[in-house]
Amino acid sequence: MQEEMQMKSGSAVRSEPAGSGNIAHESVSYRQKQQLERYLNFFSSLAFSATLLATWESAGGSIQAGLANGGPAGIVYGIILSTVGNVAIACSLAELASIHPTAGAQYHWSFFLASRGRRFISFFQGWVTVFSWSALVCIAPFFIGNQIQGMVKLAHPDYEMERWRGTLLMWAVALIPIIINVFARRVLGGIEVAAGIMHVVFLPVTIAVFVILAPRNPNSFVWETFVTGLVGWKNPGASFSIGLLGVITPLAGVDGVIHMAEEVKNAKTVVPRSMIYGTIINGSMAFCYLIAILYCMGDYTEALMSPTGYPIITIAYQATGSLPATFVLMAMGMVPGWIAFFNGLASVTRLAWAFARDNGLPFSDYFARVDPRYKIPLRALFLVASILVALSFIQIGSTSAFNAILSLSTLGLYISYLIPLWLLVFKRLTAPHDIPKGTFNLGKWGLPINLLAILFATYFAIFLPFPAELPVTGENMNYAGPVLGFVMLFACADWLVRGRFKWEGPTMKPYARDL
């Protein structure tokens, strides 16, 4: 006889008859009673995945990292490396998503795959993932708000760029997405499809404008010019690796659509496909965009030292010689990037809600509630919005410190990928028959692709905390490592004080009354 079960938050589930005794297989067989409405189909999910990354749009905003360390050749080969690595990661995570698509994603999988210490590992994983995604959603409003201020500087050279104004613009950029996520959740599917169309259509238009109006750099400039020593890093390998930040960050967040899995129709099939296709599409588009920019950019030093704070604004102005044309080009990158924030906010809200649902956050009972009127985890949404506002104040004190928060989000995400991937590889080597088969399966290529994903994620994670400039000062120090270390220590402290008594992992509890 089947037994009625319930999760801590009150979402009902039904267990299947036990068979193999394999805890991972039995756990993933549970069915949660749906608290969130499934309204996303394959096309809206693919658009969600593609626009959430907004890779070519954010690659323009972060191109300064590659221009300072590595130069044109570093950017070209870096985006190829980043795309291959992130596709390997996406394929590995997609295999797990096809087995158990859930908003909690990584911390669920870590719990199911771990042979020992599963409670602590999944708890620790949840804290790292939630914090990293909360920092990641700051990127879009930060870039867009400060690029708006940069365009004002371009139009009015006497304008003084103030960091506090950038913070106010961040809040303004974030306001409408927050409102839409609360009051117009059902239109998100349509917004995602429209944004996906803009994401695809605006790219060839932007490239065409550059190609038609700008003079052309020689092939050797794009493919052979490697730059070191501009900001102190003279070792070619270190300079290239540190400059990768500009092409890694735009592809970070391949797991974004997974956290929407409980609102996706046929999630076990749709989510893995959306994640893989979205990563491939974004990597290809970013490669085409960056190639066009490098062929068409004007004076290298002028772009790198742009008074606007963003070389891409100066590069666009060099190409067009027109302020209105520059503003249109920038808008075609900013609008899809802004709509990506709609998706990122929704994704991290579901992640925070799922973690609270499993008693991972302090005051979990409060944040785990789904609002009966708006059909969304409203309190979790306001928690994420509050974190965004709090992090935005860092920009007032130091732009370098805020940039460290942005690199921190990428570093934290790759660590969140590494934990379940290491556990998956260990399970493949020790007990491969205990791994359930999902709708998407890598077959004999599973282990090599998993190892490739681990190799790339480890390589990226090693260099993300490095300072961009030498010598290191308090102003240009990359605080990503220390901040992430503090978050990890906080997670350990929370485990000792609260978590070990309340956290049972993403497990089901007996539910006595009839449904």
Protein backbone atom coordinates (compact mmCIF):
# COMPACT_ATOMS: atom_id res chain seq x y z
CA MET A 1 0.00 0.00 0.00
CA GLN A 2 1.23 3.47 -0.84
CA GLU A 3 1.91 5.79 2.04
CA GLU A 4 0.87 9.42 2.06
CA MET A 5 3.80 11.73 2.67
CA GLN A 6 4.40 15.44 3.17
CA MET A 7 7.33 17.79 2.97
CA LYS A 8 8.04 20.30 5.73
CA SER A 9 6.43 23.15 3.85
CA GLY A 10 3.16 21.31 3.47
CA SER A 11 3.56 20.21 -0.14
CA ALA A 12 2.18 16.71 -0.39
CA VAL A 13 3.99 13.84 -2.07
CA ARG A 14 3.31 10.20 -2.72
CA SER A 15 5.97 7.54 -2.29
CA GLU A 16 6.37 4.60 -4.63
CA PRO A 17 6.86 1.06 -3.40
CA ALA A 18 10.43 0.41 -2.33
CA GLY A 19 12.30 -1.92 -4.59
CA SER A 20 16.02 -1.86 -4.98
CA GLY A 21 16.86 -0.34 -1.62
CA ASN A 22 18.84 2.33 -3.46
CA ILE A 23 18.16 5.56 -1.61
CA ALA A 24 18.88 7.74 -4.64
CA HIS A 25 16.49 5.79 -6.84
CA GLU A 26 13.78 5.72 -4.19
CA SER A 27 14.16 9.42 -3.39
CA VAL A 28 13.80 10.55 -6.96
CA SER A 29 10.68 8.45 -7.35
CA TYR A 30 8.77 10.70 -4.99
CA ARG A 31 6.18 13.00 -6.52
CA GLN A 32 5.63 16.38 -4.92
CA LYS A 33 2.18 17.81 -4.95
CA GLN A 34 2.46 20.85 -7.16
CA GLN A 35 2.60 24.12 -5.20
CA LEU A 36 3.68 26.13 -8.24
CA GLU A 37 1.72 26.17 -11.48
CA ARG A 38 3.35 24.60 -14.54
CA TYR A 39 3.01 27.14 -17.33
CA LEU A 40 6.34 27.01 -19.21
CA ASN A 41 6.58 24.86 -22.37
CA PHE A 42 9.70 23.91 -24.35
CA PHE A 43 9.93 27.13 -26.38
CA SER A 44 9.43 29.42 -23.40
CA SER A 45 11.90 27.31 -21.38
CA LEU A 46 14.50 27.46 -24.14
CA ALA A 47 13.95 31.22 -24.43
CA PHE A 48 14.24 31.45 -20.64
CA SER A 49 17.57 29.59 -20.70
CA ALA A 50 18.94 31.57 -23.64
CA THR A 51 17.93 35.02 -22.41
CA LEU A 52 18.87 34.31 -18.80
CA LEU A 53 22.50 33.94 -19.81
CA ALA A 54 22.33 36.99 -22.16
CA THR A 55 25.86 36.04 -23.14
CA TRP A 56 26.65 38.31 -26.08
CA GLU A 57 25.04 41.26 -24.31
CA SER A 58 27.05 40.78 -21.11
CA ALA A 59 30.21 39.92 -23.06
CA GLY A 60 30.20 43.49 -24.34
CA GLY A 61 29.90 44.84 -20.81
CA SER A 62 32.72 42.66 -19.50
CA ILE A 63 35.12 42.93 -22.45
CA GLN A 64 37.46 45.18 -20.46
CA ALA A 65 38.76 42.17 -18.50
CA GLY A 66 39.97 40.52 -21.71
CA LEU A 67 41.37 43.71 -23.23
CA ALA A 68 43.47 44.30 -20.12
CA ASN A 69 44.68 40.70 -19.77
CA GLY A 70 45.13 38.56 -22.87
CA GLY A 71 44.07 41.01 -25.56
CA PRO A 72 42.13 40.11 -28.73
CA ALA A 73 43.61 36.61 -29.10
CA GLY A 74 42.93 35.90 -25.43
CA ILE A 75 39.29 36.92 -25.89
CA VAL A 76 38.80 34.82 -29.05
CA TYR A 77 40.33 31.62 -27.74
CA GLY A 78 38.93 32.29 -24.28
CA ILE A 79 35.32 32.35 -25.48
CA ILE A 80 35.91 29.08 -27.34
CA LEU A 81 37.36 27.51 -24.18
CA SER A 82 34.55 28.91 -22.04
CA THR A 83 31.87 27.60 -24.40
CA VAL A 84 33.31 24.09 -24.59
CA GLY A 85 33.73 23.94 -20.82
CA ASN A 86 30.25 25.22 -20.05
CA VAL A 87 28.62 22.89 -22.58
CA ALA A 88 30.35 19.98 -20.83
CA ILE A 89 29.03 21.26 -17.49
CA ALA A 90 25.54 21.76 -18.93
CA CYS A 91 25.47 18.20 -20.33
CA SER A 92 26.58 16.75 -17.00
CA LEU A 93 24.00 18.73 -15.01
CA ALA A 94 21.32 17.96 -17.61
CA GLU A 95 21.75 14.25 -16.92
CA LEU A 96 21.00 14.89 -13.24
CA ALA A 97 18.14 17.27 -14.10
CA SER A 98 16.47 14.57 -16.22
CA ILE A 99 16.50 12.27 -13.19
CA HIS A 100 15.25 14.77 -10.63
CA PRO A 101 14.16 18.19 -11.96
CA THR A 102 13.60 20.35 -8.92
CA ALA A 103 14.04 23.98 -7.91
CA GLY A 104 16.70 22.97 -5.38
CA ALA A 105 18.82 21.31 -8.11
CA GLN A 106 22.44 21.05 -6.92
CA TYR A 107 21.79 20.54 -3.22
CA HIS A 108 19.15 17.89 -4.01
CA TRP A 109 21.55 16.00 -6.26
CA SER A 110 24.41 16.24 -3.77
CA PHE A 111 22.16 14.73 -1.10
CA PHE A 112 21.13 11.82 -3.33
CA LEU A 113 24.64 11.11 -4.63
CA ALA A 114 26.69 11.43 -1.44
CA SER A 115 27.57 8.16 0.25
CA ARG A 116 28.50 9.79 3.55
CA GLY A 117 27.83 13.13 5.20
CA ARG A 118 24.93 13.79 2.83
CA ARG A 119 23.13 16.09 5.26
CA PHE A 120 26.07 18.45 5.77
CA ILE A 121 27.18 18.34 2.13
CA SER A 122 23.72 19.24 0.82
CA PHE A 123 23.27 21.95 3.47
CA PHE A 124 26.65 23.50 2.63
CA GLN A 125 25.88 23.19 -1.08
CA GLY A 126 22.56 24.98 -0.63
CA TRP A 127 24.12 27.97 1.10
CA VAL A 128 26.81 28.39 -1.57
CA THR A 129 24.31 28.07 -4.43
CA VAL A 130 21.72 30.45 -2.98
CA PHE A 131 24.29 33.13 -2.17
CA SER A 132 26.04 32.81 -5.54
CA TRP A 133 22.79 33.19 -7.45
CA SER A 134 21.76 36.14 -5.28
CA ALA A 135 25.02 37.85 -6.25
CA LEU A 136 24.66 36.82 -9.90
CA VAL A 137 21.32 38.61 -10.36
CA CYS A 138 23.09 41.86 -9.47
CA ILE A 139 25.09 41.75 -12.71
CA ALA A 140 22.32 42.86 -15.09
CA PRO A 141 21.14 45.92 -13.11
CA PHE A 142 24.77 46.83 -12.33
CA PHE A 143 25.87 46.71 -15.97
CA ILE A 144 22.76 48.43 -17.34
CA GLY A 145 22.60 51.13 -14.68
CA ASN A 146 26.25 52.04 -15.04
CA GLN A 147 26.19 51.82 -18.84
CA ILE A 148 23.34 54.36 -18.80
CA GLN A 149 25.56 56.63 -16.74
CA GLY A 150 28.45 55.93 -19.16
CA MET A 151 26.34 57.02 -22.13
CA VAL A 152 25.49 60.24 -20.31
CA LYS A 153 29.22 60.75 -19.87
CA LEU A 154 29.76 60.15 -23.60
CA ALA A 155 27.14 62.74 -24.52
CA HIS A 156 28.24 65.23 -21.85
CA PRO A 157 32.01 64.94 -21.19
CA ASP A 158 31.77 67.35 -18.24
CA TYR A 159 29.38 65.03 -16.41
CA GLU A 160 30.84 63.62 -13.21
CA MET A 161 30.18 59.90 -12.85
CA GLU A 162 29.24 59.22 -9.24
CA ARG A 163 29.00 55.72 -7.79
CA TRP A 164 25.91 56.57 -5.76
CA ARG A 165 24.13 57.51 -8.98
CA GLY A 166 25.00 54.12 -10.37
CA THR A 167 23.39 52.54 -7.30
CA LEU A 168 20.19 54.55 -7.82
CA LEU A 169 20.12 53.50 -11.46
CA MET A 170 20.55 49.87 -10.37
CA TRP A 171 17.42 50.19 -8.25
CA ALA A 172 15.51 51.80 -11.10
CA VAL A 173 16.52 49.02 -13.50
CA ALA A 174 15.47 46.34 -10.98
CA LEU A 175 12.09 47.86 -10.07
CA ILE A 176 9.98 46.82 -13.09
CA PRO A 177 11.25 43.19 -13.16
CA ILE A 178 10.38 42.86 -9.47
CA ILE A 179 6.88 44.23 -10.11
CA ILE A 180 6.37 41.92 -13.10
CA ASN A 181 7.51 38.89 -11.10
CA VAL A 182 4.92 39.73 -8.44
CA PHE A 183 1.87 40.93 -10.33
CA ALA A 184 2.25 39.55 -13.86
CA ARG A 185 3.84 36.15 -13.41
CA ARG A 186 1.74 34.63 -16.19
CA VAL A 187 3.16 37.01 -18.78
CA LEU A 188 6.72 35.85 -18.05
CA GLY A 189 6.36 33.07 -20.62
CA GLY A 190 5.45 35.59 -23.34
CA ILE A 191 8.18 37.97 -22.17
CA GLU A 192 10.72 35.17 -22.38
CA VAL A 193 9.75 34.29 -25.95
CA ALA A 194 9.83 37.97 -26.99
CA ALA A 195 13.19 38.40 -25.28
CA GLY A 196 14.48 35.26 -26.99
CA ILE A 197 13.52 36.74 -30.37
CA MET A 198 15.27 40.03 -29.52
CA HIS A 199 18.26 38.09 -28.22
CA VAL A 200 18.61 36.37 -31.60
CA VAL A 201 17.53 39.20 -33.96
CA PHE A 202 19.46 42.07 -32.38
CA LEU A 203 22.79 40.26 -32.71
CA PRO A 204 23.04 40.21 -36.54
CA VAL A 205 21.71 43.77 -36.66
CA THR A 206 24.42 44.91 -34.24
CA ILE A 207 27.12 43.02 -36.14
CA ALA A 208 25.91 44.44 -39.46
CA VAL A 209 26.16 48.01 -38.16
CA PHE A 210 29.73 47.46 -37.01
CA VAL A 211 30.76 45.71 -40.23
CA ILE A 212 29.21 48.37 -42.48
CA LEU A 213 30.36 51.49 -40.64
CA ALA A 214 33.67 50.64 -38.97
CA PRO A 215 37.11 50.22 -40.57
CA ARG A 216 38.49 46.70 -40.46
CA ASN A 217 41.39 45.43 -38.37
CA PRO A 218 43.69 42.82 -39.97
CA ASN A 219 43.34 39.12 -39.20
CA SER A 220 46.59 39.16 -37.25
CA PHE A 221 45.16 41.71 -34.80
CA VAL A 222 42.19 39.49 -33.93
CA TRP A 223 43.74 36.03 -33.97
CA GLU A 224 47.39 36.61 -33.07
CA THR A 225 47.59 39.71 -30.85
CA PHE A 226 48.19 38.56 -27.30
CA VAL A 227 48.55 41.33 -24.69
CA THR A 228 50.39 41.02 -21.38
CA GLY A 229 51.87 43.49 -18.92
CA LEU A 230 49.28 46.27 -19.34
CA VAL A 231 48.06 45.90 -15.77
CA GLY A 232 51.06 44.14 -14.25
CA TRP A 233 50.54 40.48 -15.20
CA LYS A 234 53.49 39.58 -17.46
CA ASN A 235 53.22 35.79 -17.41
CA PRO A 236 51.23 34.83 -20.55
CA GLY A 237 49.44 31.91 -18.90
CA ALA A 238 48.39 33.92 -15.86
CA SER A 239 47.36 36.91 -17.98
CA PHE A 240 45.21 34.73 -20.26
CA SER A 241 43.60 32.89 -17.33
CA ILE A 242 42.77 36.07 -15.42
CA GLY A 243 41.37 37.71 -18.55
CA LEU A 244 38.96 34.78 -18.91
CA LEU A 245 36.69 36.50 -16.37
CA GLY A 246 35.25 38.55 -19.24
CA VAL A 247 34.16 35.44 -21.16
CA ILE A 248 33.40 33.11 -18.24
CA THR A 249 30.95 35.37 -16.42
CA PRO A 250 28.62 35.75 -19.45
CA LEU A 251 28.19 31.96 -19.58
CA ALA A 252 27.85 31.45 -15.82
CA GLY A 253 24.41 30.32 -14.72
CA VAL A 254 23.82 27.37 -17.05
CA ASP A 255 21.71 25.89 -14.23
CA GLY A 256 19.26 28.81 -14.23
CA VAL A 257 16.39 27.05 -15.98
CA ILE A 258 16.68 24.05 -13.63
CA HIS A 259 15.46 26.18 -10.73
CA MET A 260 12.26 26.85 -12.70
CA ALA A 261 11.71 23.09 -13.19
CA GLU A 262 8.64 22.96 -10.94
CA GLU A 263 6.90 25.41 -13.29
CA VAL A 264 7.90 23.64 -16.53
CA LYS A 265 5.64 21.19 -18.32
CA ASN A 266 7.28 17.78 -18.90
CA ALA A 267 10.31 19.05 -16.97
CA LYS A 268 12.34 15.82 -17.15
CA THR A 269 12.60 16.21 -20.92
CA VAL A 270 12.27 19.95 -21.44
CA VAL A 271 14.72 21.24 -18.80
CA PRO A 272 17.81 19.23 -19.93
CA ARG A 273 17.23 20.14 -23.59
CA SER A 274 16.66 23.82 -22.77
CA MET A 275 19.84 23.99 -20.68
CA ILE A 276 22.09 22.38 -23.28
CA TYR A 277 20.64 24.17 -26.30
CA GLY A 278 20.64 27.50 -24.44
CA THR A 279 24.34 27.14 -23.57
CA ILE A 280 25.33 26.19 -27.14
CA ILE A 281 23.28 29.04 -28.64
CA ASN A 282 24.71 31.61 -26.24
CA GLY A 283 28.31 30.49 -26.64
CA SER A 284 28.03 30.62 -30.45
CA MET A 285 26.39 34.04 -30.41
CA ALA A 286 28.98 35.46 -28.01
CA PHE A 287 31.78 34.15 -30.25
CA CYS A 288 30.28 35.84 -33.34
CA TYR A 289 29.72 39.10 -31.44
CA LEU A 290 33.22 39.29 -30.00
CA ILE A 291 34.83 38.46 -33.35
CA ALA A 292 32.89 41.31 -34.97
CA ILE A 293 33.79 43.73 -32.18
CA LEU A 294 37.49 42.92 -32.38
CA TYR A 295 37.61 43.25 -36.17
CA CYS A 296 35.80 46.60 -36.01
CA MET A 297 37.24 48.24 -32.90
CA GLY A 298 39.28 51.40 -33.30
CA ASP A 299 42.07 52.64 -31.06
CA TYR A 300 42.87 49.95 -28.48
CA THR A 301 44.16 52.23 -25.73
CA GLU A 302 41.31 54.70 -26.13
CA ALA A 303 38.78 51.89 -25.71
CA LEU A 304 40.56 50.37 -22.71
CA MET A 305 40.84 53.75 -20.96
CA SER A 306 37.28 54.80 -21.85
CA PRO A 307 36.05 57.61 -19.55
CA THR A 308 32.61 55.99 -19.69
CA GLY A 309 33.94 53.02 -17.73
CA TYR A 310 32.91 50.62 -20.51
CA PRO A 311 35.15 50.05 -23.57
CA ILE A 312 32.16 48.79 -25.57
CA ILE A 313 30.57 52.27 -25.49
CA THR A 314 33.73 53.86 -26.89
CA ILE A 315 34.12 51.06 -29.47
CA ALA A 316 30.54 51.65 -30.67
CA TYR A 317 31.16 55.38 -30.90
CA GLN A 318 34.43 54.83 -32.76
CA ALA A 319 32.56 52.67 -35.27
CA THR A 320 29.54 54.91 -35.87
CA GLY A 321 30.81 58.42 -35.08
CA SER A 322 27.25 59.20 -34.02
CA LEU A 323 25.80 59.52 -30.54
CA PRO A 324 22.26 58.39 -31.56
CA ALA A 325 23.64 55.36 -33.42
CA THR A 326 25.82 54.49 -30.41
CA PHE A 327 22.85 54.72 -28.08
CA VAL A 328 20.76 52.46 -30.36
CA LEU A 329 23.55 49.88 -30.51
CA MET A 330 23.90 49.92 -26.75
CA ALA A 331 20.12 49.66 -26.29
CA MET A 332 20.01 46.54 -28.47
CA GLY A 333 22.37 44.89 -26.00
CA MET A 334 20.85 46.35 -22.85
CA VAL A 335 17.17 45.50 -23.45
CA PRO A 336 17.63 41.71 -23.78
CA GLY A 337 20.06 41.88 -20.87
CA TRP A 338 17.47 43.72 -18.81
CA ILE A 339 14.80 41.12 -19.61
CA ALA A 340 17.31 38.44 -18.60
CA PHE A 341 17.05 39.95 -15.14
CA PHE A 342 13.34 39.03 -15.13
CA ASN A 343 14.40 35.41 -15.56
CA GLY A 344 17.31 35.51 -13.16
CA LEU A 345 15.15 37.01 -10.43
CA ALA A 346 12.50 34.32 -10.94
CA SER A 347 15.11 31.57 -10.92
CA VAL A 348 16.92 32.56 -7.74
CA THR A 349 13.59 33.19 -6.02
CA ARG A 350 12.58 29.57 -6.65
CA LEU A 351 15.98 28.38 -5.49
CA ALA A 352 15.77 30.33 -2.22
CA TRP A 353 12.20 29.13 -1.73
CA ALA A 354 13.19 25.49 -2.29
CA PHE A 355 16.04 25.80 0.21
CA ALA A 356 13.68 27.32 2.76
CA ARG A 357 11.09 24.62 1.98
CA ASP A 358 13.66 22.06 3.09
CA ASN A 359 14.50 24.08 6.23
CA GLY A 360 17.85 25.35 4.96
CA LEU A 361 17.42 29.06 5.71
CA PRO A 362 16.96 30.74 9.06
CA PHE A 363 13.22 31.46 9.50
CA SER A 364 12.51 28.85 6.84
CA ASP A 365 8.85 28.53 7.79
CA TYR A 366 8.39 32.18 6.86
CA PHE A 367 10.24 32.12 3.53
CA ALA A 368 8.89 28.73 2.38
CA ARG A 369 5.33 30.01 2.00
CA VAL A 370 3.81 30.29 -1.48
CA ASP A 371 1.45 33.25 -1.65
CA PRO A 372 -2.06 31.87 -2.34
CA ARG A 373 -3.09 34.95 -4.32
CA TYR A 374 -0.06 35.47 -6.57
CA LYS A 375 0.93 31.78 -6.76
CA ILE A 376 4.62 32.58 -6.21
CA PRO A 377 7.01 32.41 -3.23
CA LEU A 378 6.54 36.11 -2.57
CA ARG A 379 8.54 36.27 0.62
CA ALA A 380 11.50 34.53 -1.02
CA LEU A 381 11.28 37.07 -3.86
CA PHE A 382 11.45 39.96 -1.41
CA LEU A 383 14.39 38.28 0.34
CA VAL A 384 16.33 38.13 -2.93
CA ALA A 385 15.39 41.73 -3.77
CA SER A 386 16.60 42.81 -0.32
CA ILE A 387 19.95 41.07 -0.89
CA LEU A 388 20.27 42.88 -4.23
CA VAL A 389 19.64 46.24 -2.58
CA ALA A 390 22.13 45.44 0.19
CA LEU A 391 24.85 44.41 -2.27
CA SER A 392 24.27 47.52 -4.37
CA PHE A 393 25.49 49.70 -1.49
CA ILE A 394 28.96 48.15 -1.87
CA GLN A 395 29.30 50.05 -5.15
CA ILE A 396 29.11 53.36 -3.29
CA GLY A 397 32.18 52.47 -1.25
CA SER A 398 34.23 50.81 -3.97
CA THR A 399 33.57 49.75 -7.54
CA SER A 400 36.38 47.20 -7.21
CA ALA A 401 34.65 45.63 -4.22
CA PHE A 402 31.40 45.35 -6.15
CA ASN A 403 33.21 43.82 -9.14
CA ALA A 404 34.56 41.27 -6.66
CA ILE A 405 30.99 40.41 -5.71
CA LEU A 406 30.26 39.80 -9.40
CA SER A 407 33.28 37.50 -9.81
CA LEU A 408 32.28 35.89 -6.51
CA SER A 409 28.94 34.86 -8.02
CA THR A 410 30.72 33.09 -10.87
CA LEU A 411 33.23 31.45 -8.53
CA GLY A 412 30.46 30.27 -6.22
CA LEU A 413 28.43 28.84 -9.08
CA TYR A 414 31.33 26.76 -10.40
CA ILE A 415 31.95 25.42 -6.92
CA SER A 416 28.23 24.56 -6.72
CA TYR A 417 28.65 22.58 -9.96
CA LEU A 418 31.79 20.83 -8.80
CA ILE A 419 30.25 19.28 -5.67
CA PRO A 420 27.54 17.15 -7.38
CA LEU A 421 29.83 16.43 -10.33
CA TRP A 422 32.55 15.00 -8.09
CA LEU A 423 29.93 12.93 -6.27
CA LEU A 424 28.52 11.75 -9.61
CA VAL A 425 31.94 10.64 -10.85
CA PHE A 426 32.62 8.84 -7.58
CA LYS A 427 29.26 7.09 -7.91
CA ARG A 428 30.05 6.11 -11.52
CA LEU A 429 33.32 4.53 -10.41
CA THR A 430 32.06 2.77 -7.29
CA ALA A 431 28.39 1.98 -7.85
CA PRO A 432 27.34 2.81 -11.42
CA HIS A 433 24.21 0.67 -11.22
CA ASP A 434 22.90 2.84 -8.37
CA ILE A 435 22.59 5.85 -10.69
CA PRO A 436 19.02 6.04 -12.04
CA LYS A 437 18.54 6.52 -15.78
CA GLY A 438 16.73 9.69 -16.77
CA THR A 439 15.21 10.83 -20.04
CA PHE A 440 18.61 12.31 -20.97
CA ASN A 441 21.58 10.02 -20.59
CA LEU A 442 25.18 10.47 -21.72
CA GLY A 443 25.74 6.71 -21.92
CA LYS A 444 29.37 5.65 -22.37
CA TRP A 445 30.35 9.30 -22.75
CA GLY A 446 29.10 10.11 -19.26
CA LEU A 447 32.36 9.65 -17.35
CA PRO A 448 34.62 11.45 -19.90
CA ILE A 449 32.22 14.40 -20.15
CA ASN A 450 31.84 14.57 -16.37
CA LEU A 451 35.63 14.61 -15.96
CA LEU A 452 35.96 17.28 -18.65
CA ALA A 453 33.34 19.39 -16.87
CA ILE A 454 35.21 19.01 -13.57
CA LEU A 455 38.50 19.97 -15.25
CA PHE A 456 37.04 23.17 -16.73
CA ALA A 457 35.11 24.15 -13.60
CA THR A 458 38.22 23.65 -11.45
CA TYR A 459 40.39 25.68 -13.84
CA PHE A 460 37.88 28.53 -13.94
CA ALA A 461 37.42 28.50 -10.15
CA ILE A 462 41.16 28.69 -9.49
CA PHE A 463 41.71 31.95 -11.39
CA LEU A 464 38.45 33.78 -10.69
CA PRO A 465 39.65 35.08 -7.27
CA PHE A 466 42.93 36.44 -8.73
CA PRO A 467 43.31 40.25 -8.72
CA ALA A 468 43.02 41.81 -12.18
CA GLU A 469 45.96 44.18 -11.58
CA LEU A 470 49.43 44.17 -10.05
CA PRO A 471 50.63 45.38 -7.63
CA VAL A 472 47.67 44.51 -5.43
CA THR A 473 46.22 47.33 -3.35
CA GLY A 474 43.18 47.66 -1.12
CA GLU A 475 41.38 49.39 -3.99
CA ASN A 476 42.01 46.81 -6.75
CA MET A 477 42.04 43.70 -4.55
CA ASN A 478 39.68 40.94 -5.70
CA TYR A 479 37.66 40.16 -2.59
CA ALA A 480 35.81 37.22 -4.18
CA GLY A 481 37.90 34.62 -2.36
CA PRO A 482 37.62 36.13 1.14
CA VAL A 483 33.89 36.87 0.73
CA LEU A 484 33.13 33.34 -0.46
CA GLY A 485 35.28 32.01 2.38
CA PHE A 486 33.17 34.02 4.83
CA VAL A 487 29.96 32.60 3.32
CA MET A 488 31.34 29.07 3.65
CA LEU A 489 32.34 29.69 7.28
CA PHE A 490 28.89 31.14 7.94
CA ALA A 491 27.31 28.03 6.42
CA CYS A 492 29.42 25.83 8.71
CA ALA A 493 28.51 27.94 11.74
CA ASP A 494 24.83 27.81 10.82
CA TRP A 495 25.13 24.05 10.52
CA LEU A 496 26.58 23.76 14.03
CA VAL A 497 24.08 26.14 15.61
CA ARG A 498 20.88 25.31 13.73
CA GLY A 499 21.26 23.17 10.64
CA ARG A 500 22.32 19.87 12.18
CA PHE A 501 19.18 19.90 14.32
CA LYS A 502 16.68 20.98 11.65
CA TRP A 503 18.12 20.04 8.27
CA GLU A 504 17.14 16.59 7.08
CA GLY A 505 17.95 17.26 3.45
CA PRO A 506 15.39 17.23 0.65
CA THR A 507 13.51 14.36 2.27
CA MET A 508 9.83 13.49 2.67
CA LYS A 509 8.05 13.11 5.98
CA PRO A 510 5.00 11.03 6.90
CA TYR A 511 1.73 12.74 6.26
CA ALA A 512 -0.99 11.37 8.48
CA ARG A 513 -4.24 12.79 7.20
CA ASP A 514 -5.95 11.99 3.93
CA LEU A 515 -5.55 14.33 0.97
